[in-house]
Amino acid sequence: MSYLTTEKKANIFLEYGAAAANTGSIEAQVAMLTERINHISDHLKTNKKDFSTQRGLMQMVGKRKRLLTYLSKHNLTGYRSLIEKLGLRK
């Protein structure tokens, strides 16, 4: 994952997890998955027959969906602000 440098990861965790060391928060995990999903989606636009990457993308989308469902059940205002920040449809 050379496209995600240590500084970029720290910025994502700082912005969404409230601290650079707070890598386990749901918001930070969803933001990191969204970043990876966007990068892989761009890759698949040029490499249409990369089926193993496509499968990994579907797994990441499923994991993000499960995390967002958990967040919506436990912290609805945090869920709404997160999907608005990330620009996700829901």
N, C-alpha and C. Protein backbone atom coordinates (compact mmCIF):
# COMPACT_ATOMS: atom_id res chain seq x y z
N MET A 1 0.83 -1.17 0.00
CA MET A 1 0.00 0.00 0.00
C MET A 1 0.88 1.25 0.00
N SER A 2 1.62 1.43 -1.05
CA SER A 2 2.52 2.57 -1.11
C SER A 2 1.79 3.89 -1.30
N TYR A 3 0.53 3.85 -1.72
CA TYR A 3 -0.23 5.08 -1.90
C TYR A 3 -0.63 5.68 -0.56
N LEU A 4 -0.66 4.88 0.51
CA LEU A 4 -0.97 5.38 1.84
C LEU A 4 0.32 5.49 2.64
N THR A 5 0.84 6.69 2.74
CA THR A 5 2.04 6.89 3.52
C THR A 5 1.68 6.95 5.00
N THR A 6 2.68 6.89 5.84
CA THR A 6 2.46 6.96 7.28
C THR A 6 1.84 8.29 7.67
N GLU A 7 2.27 9.35 7.02
CA GLU A 7 1.72 10.67 7.34
C GLU A 7 0.25 10.75 6.94
N LYS A 8 -0.09 10.18 5.78
CA LYS A 8 -1.48 10.23 5.31
C LYS A 8 -2.37 9.42 6.24
N LYS A 9 -1.90 8.25 6.69
CA LYS A 9 -2.66 7.45 7.64
C LYS A 9 -2.86 8.20 8.95
N ALA A 10 -1.80 8.83 9.43
CA ALA A 10 -1.90 9.58 10.68
C ALA A 10 -2.88 10.73 10.55
N ASN A 11 -2.90 11.39 9.38
CA ASN A 11 -3.87 12.47 9.17
C ASN A 11 -5.30 11.95 9.16
N ILE A 12 -5.52 10.80 8.55
CA ILE A 12 -6.86 10.21 8.53
C ILE A 12 -7.29 9.86 9.94
N PHE A 13 -6.40 9.23 10.73
CA PHE A 13 -6.74 8.86 12.09
C PHE A 13 -6.93 10.09 12.96
N LEU A 14 -6.16 11.13 12.71
CA LEU A 14 -6.31 12.36 13.48
C LEU A 14 -7.63 13.05 13.17
N GLU A 15 -8.01 13.05 11.90
CA GLU A 15 -9.24 13.73 11.50
C GLU A 15 -10.50 12.98 11.95
N TYR A 16 -10.49 11.66 11.81
CA TYR A 16 -11.69 10.90 12.09
C TYR A 16 -11.67 10.18 13.44
N GLY A 17 -10.49 9.88 13.96
CA GLY A 17 -10.40 9.15 15.22
C GLY A 17 -10.08 10.02 16.40
N ALA A 18 -9.93 11.32 16.19
CA ALA A 18 -9.67 12.33 17.23
C ALA A 18 -8.25 12.27 17.79
N ALA A 19 -7.45 11.29 17.41
CA ALA A 19 -6.05 11.22 17.80
C ALA A 19 -5.32 10.34 16.80
N ALA A 20 -4.05 10.63 16.60
CA ALA A 20 -3.29 9.84 15.62
C ALA A 20 -3.10 8.40 16.09
N ALA A 21 -3.12 8.17 17.40
CA ALA A 21 -2.94 6.82 17.93
C ALA A 21 -4.25 6.06 18.06
N ASN A 22 -5.38 6.72 17.81
CA ASN A 22 -6.68 6.09 17.95
C ASN A 22 -7.07 5.40 16.64
N THR A 23 -6.38 4.31 16.35
CA THR A 23 -6.61 3.60 15.09
C THR A 23 -7.77 2.63 15.18
N GLY A 24 -8.30 2.38 16.35
CA GLY A 24 -9.35 1.40 16.52
C GLY A 24 -10.74 1.96 16.50
N SER A 25 -10.89 3.26 16.45
CA SER A 25 -12.23 3.82 16.47
C SER A 25 -12.96 3.46 15.17
N ILE A 26 -14.26 3.30 15.28
CA ILE A 26 -15.07 2.91 14.13
C ILE A 26 -14.96 3.95 13.02
N GLU A 27 -14.99 5.22 13.40
CA GLU A 27 -14.93 6.29 12.39
C GLU A 27 -13.61 6.25 11.63
N ALA A 28 -12.51 6.00 12.34
CA ALA A 28 -11.21 5.95 11.68
C ALA A 28 -11.10 4.72 10.77
N GLN A 29 -11.65 3.60 11.22
CA GLN A 29 -11.61 2.40 10.39
C GLN A 29 -12.42 2.58 9.11
N VAL A 30 -13.59 3.21 9.23
CA VAL A 30 -14.43 3.44 8.05
C VAL A 30 -13.73 4.40 7.10
N ALA A 31 -13.09 5.43 7.64
CA ALA A 31 -12.39 6.39 6.79
C ALA A 31 -11.22 5.73 6.06
N MET A 32 -10.50 4.87 6.74
CA MET A 32 -9.38 4.16 6.11
C MET A 32 -9.88 3.21 5.03
N LEU A 33 -10.95 2.49 5.32
CA LEU A 33 -11.52 1.59 4.32
C LEU A 33 -12.02 2.37 3.11
N THR A 34 -12.63 3.52 3.34
CA THR A 34 -13.12 4.34 2.23
C THR A 34 -11.97 4.81 1.36
N GLU A 35 -10.86 5.18 1.97
CA GLU A 35 -9.68 5.60 1.21
C GLU A 35 -9.16 4.45 0.34
N ARG A 36 -9.09 3.25 0.93
CA ARG A 36 -8.63 2.08 0.17
C ARG A 36 -9.61 1.71 -0.94
N ILE A 37 -10.91 1.79 -0.64
CA ILE A 37 -11.93 1.45 -1.64
C ILE A 37 -11.85 2.40 -2.82
N ASN A 38 -11.67 3.69 -2.56
CA ASN A 38 -11.55 4.66 -3.65
C ASN A 38 -10.33 4.39 -4.51
N HIS A 39 -9.21 4.04 -3.86
CA HIS A 39 -7.98 3.76 -4.62
C HIS A 39 -8.14 2.50 -5.48
N ILE A 40 -8.72 1.46 -4.91
CA ILE A 40 -8.88 0.21 -5.65
C ILE A 40 -9.91 0.39 -6.77
N SER A 41 -10.93 1.20 -6.55
CA SER A 41 -11.91 1.45 -7.61
C SER A 41 -11.25 2.12 -8.81
N ASP A 42 -10.35 3.06 -8.55
CA ASP A 42 -9.61 3.69 -9.65
C ASP A 42 -8.74 2.68 -10.38
N HIS A 43 -8.13 1.76 -9.63
CA HIS A 43 -7.31 0.72 -10.23
C HIS A 43 -8.15 -0.18 -11.13
N LEU A 44 -9.36 -0.52 -10.68
CA LEU A 44 -10.20 -1.42 -11.45
C LEU A 44 -10.80 -0.76 -12.69
N LYS A 45 -10.82 0.56 -12.73
CA LYS A 45 -11.31 1.23 -13.94
C LYS A 45 -10.37 1.00 -15.12
N THR A 46 -9.08 0.87 -14.82
CA THR A 46 -8.11 0.63 -15.89
C THR A 46 -7.81 -0.86 -16.08
N ASN A 47 -7.97 -1.66 -15.04
CA ASN A 47 -7.68 -3.09 -15.10
C ASN A 47 -8.97 -3.88 -14.87
N LYS A 48 -9.78 -3.97 -15.89
CA LYS A 48 -11.12 -4.54 -15.76
C LYS A 48 -11.12 -6.04 -15.47
N LYS A 49 -10.07 -6.74 -15.82
CA LYS A 49 -10.05 -8.19 -15.65
C LYS A 49 -9.29 -8.64 -14.41
N ASP A 50 -9.01 -7.73 -13.49
CA ASP A 50 -8.31 -8.06 -12.25
C ASP A 50 -9.35 -8.55 -11.23
N PHE A 51 -9.72 -9.81 -11.35
CA PHE A 51 -10.83 -10.34 -10.57
C PHE A 51 -10.47 -10.56 -9.11
N SER A 52 -9.22 -10.86 -8.80
CA SER A 52 -8.85 -11.05 -7.40
C SER A 52 -8.92 -9.73 -6.64
N THR A 53 -8.54 -8.64 -7.28
CA THR A 53 -8.66 -7.34 -6.66
C THR A 53 -10.12 -6.95 -6.52
N GLN A 54 -10.93 -7.34 -7.49
CA GLN A 54 -12.35 -7.05 -7.43
C GLN A 54 -13.00 -7.77 -6.24
N ARG A 55 -12.56 -9.00 -5.98
CA ARG A 55 -13.09 -9.74 -4.84
C ARG A 55 -12.68 -9.06 -3.54
N GLY A 56 -11.43 -8.62 -3.45
CA GLY A 56 -10.97 -7.92 -2.26
C GLY A 56 -11.74 -6.63 -2.04
N LEU A 57 -12.06 -5.94 -3.13
CA LEU A 57 -12.85 -4.72 -3.04
C LEU A 57 -14.23 -5.01 -2.46
N MET A 58 -14.87 -6.08 -2.93
CA MET A 58 -16.19 -6.43 -2.42
C MET A 58 -16.14 -6.78 -0.93
N GLN A 59 -15.07 -7.44 -0.51
CA GLN A 59 -14.91 -7.75 0.91
C GLN A 59 -14.76 -6.49 1.74
N MET A 60 -13.99 -5.51 1.23
CA MET A 60 -13.81 -4.25 1.94
C MET A 60 -15.12 -3.47 2.02
N VAL A 61 -15.89 -3.48 0.94
CA VAL A 61 -17.18 -2.79 0.94
C VAL A 61 -18.11 -3.43 1.97
N GLY A 62 -18.09 -4.75 2.05
CA GLY A 62 -18.91 -5.45 3.03
C GLY A 62 -18.50 -5.13 4.46
N LYS A 63 -17.20 -5.08 4.69
CA LYS A 63 -16.71 -4.75 6.03
C LYS A 63 -17.09 -3.33 6.41
N ARG A 64 -16.96 -2.40 5.46
CA ARG A 64 -17.34 -1.01 5.73
C ARG A 64 -18.83 -0.92 6.02
N LYS A 65 -19.63 -1.69 5.30
CA LYS A 65 -21.08 -1.68 5.52
C LYS A 65 -21.41 -2.19 6.92
N ARG A 66 -20.74 -3.25 7.36
CA ARG A 66 -20.98 -3.78 8.70
C ARG A 66 -20.57 -2.78 9.77
N LEU A 67 -19.44 -2.11 9.58
CA LEU A 67 -19.01 -1.10 10.55
C LEU A 67 -19.98 0.07 10.59
N LEU A 68 -20.47 0.50 9.44
CA LEU A 68 -21.43 1.60 9.40
C LEU A 68 -22.76 1.20 10.04
N THR A 69 -23.17 -0.05 9.88
CA THR A 69 -24.39 -0.51 10.52
C THR A 69 -24.24 -0.49 12.03
N TYR A 70 -23.10 -0.95 12.52
CA TYR A 70 -22.82 -0.91 13.95
C TYR A 70 -22.84 0.53 14.47
N LEU A 71 -22.21 1.42 13.73
CA LEU A 71 -22.15 2.81 14.15
C LEU A 71 -23.54 3.44 14.15
N SER A 72 -24.36 3.11 13.17
CA SER A 72 -25.70 3.69 13.12
C SER A 72 -26.57 3.20 14.28
N LYS A 73 -26.33 2.00 14.75
CA LYS A 73 -27.11 1.48 15.88
C LYS A 73 -26.66 2.06 17.21
N HIS A 74 -25.37 2.39 17.33
CA HIS A 74 -24.83 2.83 18.61
C HIS A 74 -24.62 4.34 18.72
N ASN A 75 -24.42 5.03 17.59
CA ASN A 75 -24.17 6.46 17.62
C ASN A 75 -24.70 7.08 16.33
N LEU A 76 -25.99 7.39 16.33
CA LEU A 76 -26.64 7.84 15.10
C LEU A 76 -26.11 9.19 14.63
N THR A 77 -25.86 10.11 15.54
CA THR A 77 -25.35 11.42 15.12
C THR A 77 -23.93 11.30 14.57
N GLY A 78 -23.12 10.46 15.19
CA GLY A 78 -21.77 10.22 14.67
C GLY A 78 -21.80 9.57 13.30
N TYR A 79 -22.75 8.66 13.11
CA TYR A 79 -22.92 8.00 11.81
C TYR A 79 -23.29 9.01 10.73
N ARG A 80 -24.25 9.87 11.04
CA ARG A 80 -24.69 10.86 10.05
C ARG A 80 -23.58 11.84 9.70
N SER A 81 -22.83 12.28 10.70
CA SER A 81 -21.74 13.22 10.41
C SER A 81 -20.62 12.54 9.62
N LEU A 82 -20.36 11.26 9.91
CA LEU A 82 -19.29 10.54 9.20
C LEU A 82 -19.63 10.35 7.73
N ILE A 83 -20.86 9.90 7.43
CA ILE A 83 -21.19 9.68 6.01
C ILE A 83 -21.26 11.00 5.25
N GLU A 84 -21.56 12.08 5.95
CA GLU A 84 -21.55 13.38 5.29
C GLU A 84 -20.12 13.83 5.01
N LYS A 85 -19.20 13.61 5.96
CA LYS A 85 -17.79 13.96 5.77
C LYS A 85 -17.16 13.16 4.63
N LEU A 86 -17.48 11.88 4.60
CA LEU A 86 -16.87 10.99 3.60
C LEU A 86 -17.57 11.06 2.25
N GLY A 87 -18.76 11.61 2.23
CA GLY A 87 -19.49 11.72 0.97
C GLY A 87 -20.10 10.40 0.53
N LEU A 88 -20.52 9.58 1.49
CA LEU A 88 -21.13 8.30 1.17
C LEU A 88 -22.63 8.47 1.04
N ARG A 89 -23.23 7.68 0.18
CA ARG A 89 -24.69 7.72 0.03
C ARG A 89 -25.31 6.84 1.10
N LYS A 90 -26.33 7.30 1.73
CA LYS A 90 -27.12 6.50 2.68
C LYS A 90 -28.25 7.33 3.15
